[in-house]
Protein backbone atom coordinates (compact mmCIF):
# COMPACT_ATOMS: atom_id res chain seq x y z
CA MET A 1 -11.49 6.45 302.56
CA LYS A 2 -9.78 9.26 300.69
CA ARG A 3 -9.50 11.10 304.01
CA ILE A 4 -7.62 8.06 305.64
CA ILE A 5 -5.00 7.99 302.76
CA ALA A 6 -4.72 11.77 303.12
CA ILE A 7 -4.11 11.71 306.72
CA ILE A 8 -1.13 8.71 305.88
CA LEU A 9 0.16 10.58 303.36
CA THR A 10 0.48 13.75 305.58
CA LEU A 11 2.24 11.26 308.31
CA LEU A 12 4.55 9.91 305.51
CA PHE A 13 5.51 13.40 304.20
CA PHE A 14 6.26 14.68 307.59
CA THR A 15 7.93 11.78 308.91
CA PHE A 16 10.25 11.51 305.64
CA LEU A 17 10.87 15.48 306.19
CA THR A 18 11.86 15.19 309.77
CA SER A 19 13.76 11.87 309.50
CA CYS A 20 17.60 11.52 308.72
CA ALA A 21 18.40 9.76 305.47
CA CYS A 22 21.96 9.01 307.56
CA GLU A 23 22.94 4.88 307.96
CA HIS A 24 23.74 6.02 311.69
CA GLU A 25 26.90 4.59 313.01
CA PHE A 26 26.64 5.03 316.59
CA SER A 27 29.36 5.39 319.11
CA ASN A 28 28.91 4.37 322.73
CA ALA A 29 27.35 6.42 325.37
CA THR A 30 29.36 8.16 327.83
CA CYS A 31 29.02 9.47 331.39
CA THR A 32 28.50 12.84 330.00
CA LYS A 33 27.00 12.11 326.54
CA PRO A 34 24.36 9.92 325.17
CA ALA A 35 25.21 7.65 322.17
CA THR A 36 26.13 9.89 319.22
CA CYS A 37 25.93 8.98 315.30
CA THR A 38 29.52 10.02 314.24
CA LYS A 39 28.28 11.15 310.73
CA CYS A 40 25.55 13.37 311.14
CA GLY A 41 25.44 14.17 314.84
CA GLU A 42 21.97 12.66 316.17
CA THR A 43 21.99 11.05 319.76
CA GLN A 44 20.36 7.86 320.82
CA GLY A 45 19.44 7.26 324.63
CA THR A 46 21.02 9.06 327.56
CA ALA A 47 24.22 9.69 328.85
CA LEU A 48 25.17 6.99 331.59
CA GLY A 49 26.20 9.32 334.21
CA HIS A 50 29.28 8.76 336.72
CA SER A 51 29.79 6.00 338.62
CA PHE A 52 31.78 6.97 341.80
CA ARG A 53 33.50 5.07 343.61
CA GLU A 54 33.67 5.86 347.36
CA ALA A 55 36.75 7.98 348.45
CA THR A 56 39.54 6.37 350.59
CA CYS A 57 42.61 8.15 352.91
CA THR A 58 44.69 8.36 349.59
CA SER A 59 42.32 9.30 346.91
CA PRO A 60 39.12 11.26 345.93
CA LYS A 61 35.99 9.44 344.67
CA ILE A 62 36.58 8.38 341.06
CA CYS A 63 34.34 7.19 338.22
CA SER A 64 34.89 3.88 337.67
CA ARG A 65 34.13 4.42 333.85
CA CYS A 66 35.91 7.50 332.79
CA GLY A 67 38.22 7.99 335.44
CA GLU A 68 36.92 11.48 336.75
CA THR A 69 37.53 12.50 340.47
CA GLN A 70 35.00 14.09 343.06
CA GLY A 71 35.91 15.91 346.08
CA VAL A 72 39.17 15.40 347.64
CA ALA A 73 40.98 12.20 349.05
CA LEU A 74 39.67 11.57 353.09
CA GLY A 75 43.09 11.81 354.83
CA HIS A 76 44.45 9.18 357.41
CA THR A 77 43.21 9.24 360.92
CA VAL A 78 46.82 9.47 362.05
CA THR A 79 49.77 10.91 361.51
CA CYS A 80 53.50 9.29 360.97
CA ALA A 81 54.19 10.31 364.60
CA ASP A 82 51.50 8.54 365.80
CA SER A 83 52.00 4.58 366.90
CA GLU A 84 48.66 3.60 365.93
CA PRO A 85 47.44 2.83 362.44
CA CYS A 86 44.65 4.68 360.36
CA ALA A 87 41.20 3.63 361.48
CA ARG A 88 40.06 4.14 358.01
CA CYS A 89 42.56 1.77 356.37
CA GLY A 90 44.39 0.30 358.88
CA THR A 91 48.14 1.69 357.46
CA LYS A 92 50.50 2.33 359.83
CA LEU A 93 52.08 5.52 358.21
CA GLU A 94 55.80 6.17 358.33
CA HIS A 95 58.08 8.82 358.15
CA HIS A 96 59.36 9.94 354.84
CA PHE A 97 62.55 12.31 354.82
CA LYS A 98 63.66 14.94 352.65
CA GLY A 99 66.80 17.16 353.39
CA ASN A 100 70.23 17.84 352.42
CA VAL A 101 73.29 15.73 354.20
CA LYS A 102 75.45 18.46 353.82
CA THR A 103 73.59 21.09 355.93
CA GLY A 104 71.85 18.38 358.26
CA ILE A 105 68.66 19.94 357.66
CA ILE A 106 66.65 16.84 357.41
CA TYR A 107 62.79 16.65 358.45
CA CYS A 108 59.59 14.39 357.68
CA THR A 109 57.80 15.68 354.91
CA GLY A 110 54.74 14.02 356.56
CA CYS A 111 54.73 15.45 360.38
CA SER A 112 57.79 17.76 360.21
CA GLU A 113 59.60 15.92 362.98
CA HIS A 114 63.62 17.11 362.62
CA VAL A 115 66.38 15.75 363.06
CA ASN A 116 68.82 17.14 364.34
CA GLU A 117 72.66 16.07 363.18
CA MET A 118 74.40 17.47 366.20
CA THR A 119 72.59 15.57 368.85
CA ILE A 120 72.75 12.14 366.90
CA ASN A 121 76.47 11.15 367.88
CA SER A 122 75.73 12.08 371.58
CA LYS A 123 73.49 9.15 371.71
CA SER A 124 73.98 5.37 371.66
CA PHE A 125 72.22 3.58 368.57
CA SER A 126 69.70 2.08 370.92
CA GLU A 127 68.84 5.50 372.09
CA LEU A 128 68.24 6.82 368.30
CA THR A 129 64.38 7.84 367.12
CA VAL A 130 63.57 6.58 363.97
CA ALA A 131 64.41 9.80 362.42
CA GLU A 132 67.54 9.82 363.81
CA LYS A 133 68.05 6.39 362.57
CA ALA A 134 66.65 7.02 358.71
CA TYR A 135 69.32 9.89 358.69
CA ILE A 136 71.89 8.14 359.68
CA GLN A 137 71.08 5.12 356.97
CA TRP A 138 71.03 8.54 354.80
CA VAL A 139 74.29 9.60 355.38
CA ILE A 140 75.50 5.77 354.46
CA ASN A 141 73.68 5.27 351.66
CA ASP A 142 74.80 8.33 349.79
CA TYR A 143 78.44 7.01 350.11
CA MET A 144 77.78 3.45 349.44
CA THR A 145 75.79 4.56 346.26
CA ALA A 146 77.70 7.63 345.12
CA VAL A 147 78.74 7.12 341.55
CA ASN A 148 80.90 9.02 338.90
CA SER A 149 79.57 10.17 335.51
CA SER A 150 80.49 6.79 334.11
CA GLY A 151 78.15 4.79 336.51
CA LYS A 152 81.02 3.46 338.83
CA TYR A 153 80.62 3.75 342.51
CA ILE A 154 83.55 6.35 343.97
CA TYR A 155 83.68 4.80 347.23
CA THR A 156 84.44 1.25 348.73
CA THR A 157 82.38 -0.56 351.12
CA THR A 158 85.24 0.81 353.73
CA GLU A 159 85.77 4.50 352.50
CA ALA A 160 81.75 4.82 352.56
CA TYR A 161 81.97 3.86 356.35
CA SER A 162 84.67 5.85 357.32
CA ASN A 163 83.43 8.80 355.53
CA ALA A 164 79.93 8.43 357.16
CA ALA A 165 81.84 7.81 360.62
CA LYS A 166 83.20 11.13 360.21
CA ILE A 167 80.09 13.32 359.43
CA LEU A 168 78.13 11.31 362.23
CA GLY A 169 80.61 11.23 364.65
CA TYR A 170 80.90 7.51 365.41
CA SER A 171 83.73 5.23 364.68
CA SER A 172 83.71 3.12 361.04
CA ALA A 173 83.29 0.29 363.27
CA GLU A 174 80.21 1.56 364.46
CA ILE A 175 78.82 2.52 361.19
CA LYS A 176 79.95 -0.64 359.74
CA VAL A 177 77.61 -2.73 362.31
CA PHE A 178 74.82 0.06 362.45
CA TRP A 179 74.72 -0.45 358.53
CA GLU A 180 74.77 -4.60 358.55
CA ASN A 181 71.93 -4.56 361.28
CA HIS A 182 69.77 -2.19 359.92
CA ALA A 183 69.98 -1.79 355.92
CA GLY A 184 67.13 -3.60 355.44
CA MET A 185 64.86 -1.80 358.21
CA SER A 186 61.99 0.51 357.87
CA ALA A 187 64.08 3.41 359.25
CA TYR A 188 65.73 3.85 355.52
CA ASN A 189 64.59 1.21 353.00
CA THR A 190 60.76 1.82 353.18
CA ILE A 191 60.19 5.60 354.78
CA TYR A 192 62.80 7.45 353.48
CA SER A 193 62.43 9.18 349.98
CA LYS A 194 65.32 11.26 348.50
CA LYS A 195 62.43 13.12 346.05
């Protein structure tokens, strides 16, 4: 009997020596760390591990718990120069133009299609490519939305048409018709980005 009591006391002694006297307050486990006591640092359980959502055309794998990314976006199966939608996600890609109206250097950031302002005015509006139509929309919009330092518009609509016509080589009446017929079209409003 003495032997059993000695064993029990020894076990209690070692348990007391190895246990923490802390009243634990465990933080939640994360993807990379188990639940951890904020007072003494003791851990409980295991890390949760990442829960990655599959990569898409535009984003890499993303952990739904912590937002960590892994790998790279898959990319679309087409470019904006293609007429078909992406086979992976179904998106029909559009041109995104950047450039400078004053220099006439305009290009698509997606497929590098360039717009040559010198050839635009030799075509009728129906012969223009989407890129050329976007360029015309851009020139007109620059005049339509130009503001001074106090935020007031610099040009009237008529002046904007006239100034754009001078740059583009069309009449003011043609520019007005083009703007009114295409102001909502994707060639400017959805595909052109200034930045």
